[in-house]
C-alpha cells in the first residue's frame, strides 16, 4: 500500500530532528522541537514500517528500543500536521 504523501519538504538547515547514537545497537534517542503533537515511525530501507510511537509536543526527547531490529539501514520519520522530517540511521 502506498502512502498518501504528496509532497515532502526537506529543510536540512532548519532540521528539528536528531538521532543518537548513530550507528545504534540497543536503543536510539530522538530529539525534536516540534510545536505540535505527532508520530515517530521507523521504516526499513525497503519501506516497511517496523515501529511507530506518538509524541506530545511538550516532550522533546524520545527513546526507542531497537535491540530486536536486524542489522541494517533504517529511516526514522517524525510527522505532525505541518511537518514531516526523515533521517537515516544504522543498527549494528
Protein backbone atom coordinates (compact mmCIF):
# COMPACT_ATOMS: atom_id res chain seq x y z
CA UNK A 1 0.00 0.00 0.00
CA UNK A 2 1.33 3.44 -0.93
CA UNK A 3 1.39 6.37 1.49
CA UNK A 4 -0.77 9.43 0.97
CA UNK A 5 2.28 11.72 0.99
CA UNK A 6 2.04 14.18 -1.88
CA UNK A 7 4.99 16.42 -1.11
CA UNK A 8 7.93 16.25 1.27
CA UNK A 9 9.71 19.47 2.12
CA UNK A 10 13.35 18.89 3.02
CA UNK A 11 14.79 21.52 5.32
CA UNK A 12 18.16 20.23 6.48
CA UNK A 13 19.33 23.68 7.50
CA UNK A 14 16.40 24.07 9.90
CA UNK A 15 16.07 20.41 10.77
CA UNK A 16 14.48 19.82 14.14
CA UNK A 17 15.35 16.13 14.38
CA UNK A 18 18.43 14.45 15.84
CA UNK A 19 19.08 10.72 16.31
CA UNK A 20 21.82 9.35 18.55
CA UNK A 21 23.79 7.17 18.83
CA UNK A 22 24.15 6.51 15.15
CA UNK A 23 25.03 3.71 14.49
CA UNK A 24 22.89 2.18 17.26
CA UNK A 25 22.91 -1.21 18.94
CA UNK A 26 20.13 -1.38 21.55
CA UNK A 27 18.44 2.00 21.73
CA UNK A 28 18.19 5.33 19.95
CA UNK A 29 17.29 8.69 21.39
CA UNK A 30 15.37 11.09 19.18
CA UNK A 31 15.36 14.80 19.97
CA UNK A 32 12.88 17.07 18.25
CA UNK A 33 11.48 20.56 18.54
CA UNK A 34 8.02 20.08 17.10
CA UNK A 35 5.40 22.60 18.19
CA UNK A 36 2.65 20.03 17.54
CA UNK A 37 1.79 16.52 18.67
CA UNK A 38 2.76 13.86 16.17
CA UNK A 39 4.26 10.45 15.48
CA UNK A 40 7.70 8.96 15.08
CA UNK A 41 7.91 5.95 12.80
CA UNK A 42 10.77 3.70 11.79
CA UNK A 43 10.91 2.08 8.36
CA UNK A 44 13.29 -0.43 6.82
CA UNK A 45 15.32 0.54 3.78
CA UNK A 46 12.63 -1.29 1.76
CA UNK A 47 9.93 0.99 3.22
CA UNK A 48 8.29 -1.43 5.65
CA UNK A 49 7.00 0.11 8.88
CA UNK A 50 8.62 -1.60 11.88
CA UNK A 51 7.73 0.73 14.75
CA UNK A 52 5.51 3.74 15.38
CA UNK A 53 5.02 5.83 18.53
CA UNK A 54 3.10 9.00 19.28
CA UNK A 55 4.74 12.01 20.93
CA UNK A 56 3.43 15.06 22.72
CA UNK A 57 4.72 18.49 21.75
CA UNK A 58 5.81 19.13 25.35
CA UNK A 59 8.27 16.21 25.16
CA UNK A 60 11.42 16.99 23.19
CA UNK A 61 13.22 13.66 23.60
CA UNK A 62 12.02 10.11 22.91
CA UNK A 63 13.96 6.88 23.49
CA UNK A 64 13.20 3.88 21.31
CA UNK A 65 14.33 0.26 21.70
CA UNK A 66 15.91 -1.10 18.51
CA UNK A 67 17.58 -4.18 20.02
CA UNK A 68 15.21 -6.56 18.16
CA UNK A 69 15.89 -4.91 14.78
CA UNK A 70 18.03 -6.71 12.22
CA UNK A 71 21.33 -5.05 11.38
CA UNK A 72 20.94 -2.54 8.59
CA UNK A 73 19.76 0.88 7.46
CA UNK A 74 16.51 2.40 8.74
CA UNK A 75 14.62 5.63 8.17
CA UNK A 76 13.07 7.50 11.06
CA UNK A 77 10.17 9.79 10.16
CA UNK A 78 8.82 12.45 12.51
CA UNK A 79 5.43 13.68 11.36
CA UNK A 80 2.97 16.26 12.64
CA UNK A 81 0.19 18.21 10.97
CA UNK A 82 2.52 20.79 9.40
CA UNK A 83 5.87 18.98 9.27
CA UNK A 84 7.42 15.75 8.05
CA UNK A 85 11.13 15.18 8.61
CA UNK A 86 13.09 11.99 7.97
CA UNK A 87 16.60 10.87 8.83
CA UNK A 88 18.58 7.74 8.21
CA UNK A 89 20.19 5.68 10.97
CA UNK A 90 22.03 2.38 11.18
CA UNK A 91 21.57 -0.57 13.53
CA UNK A 92 24.79 -2.57 14.12
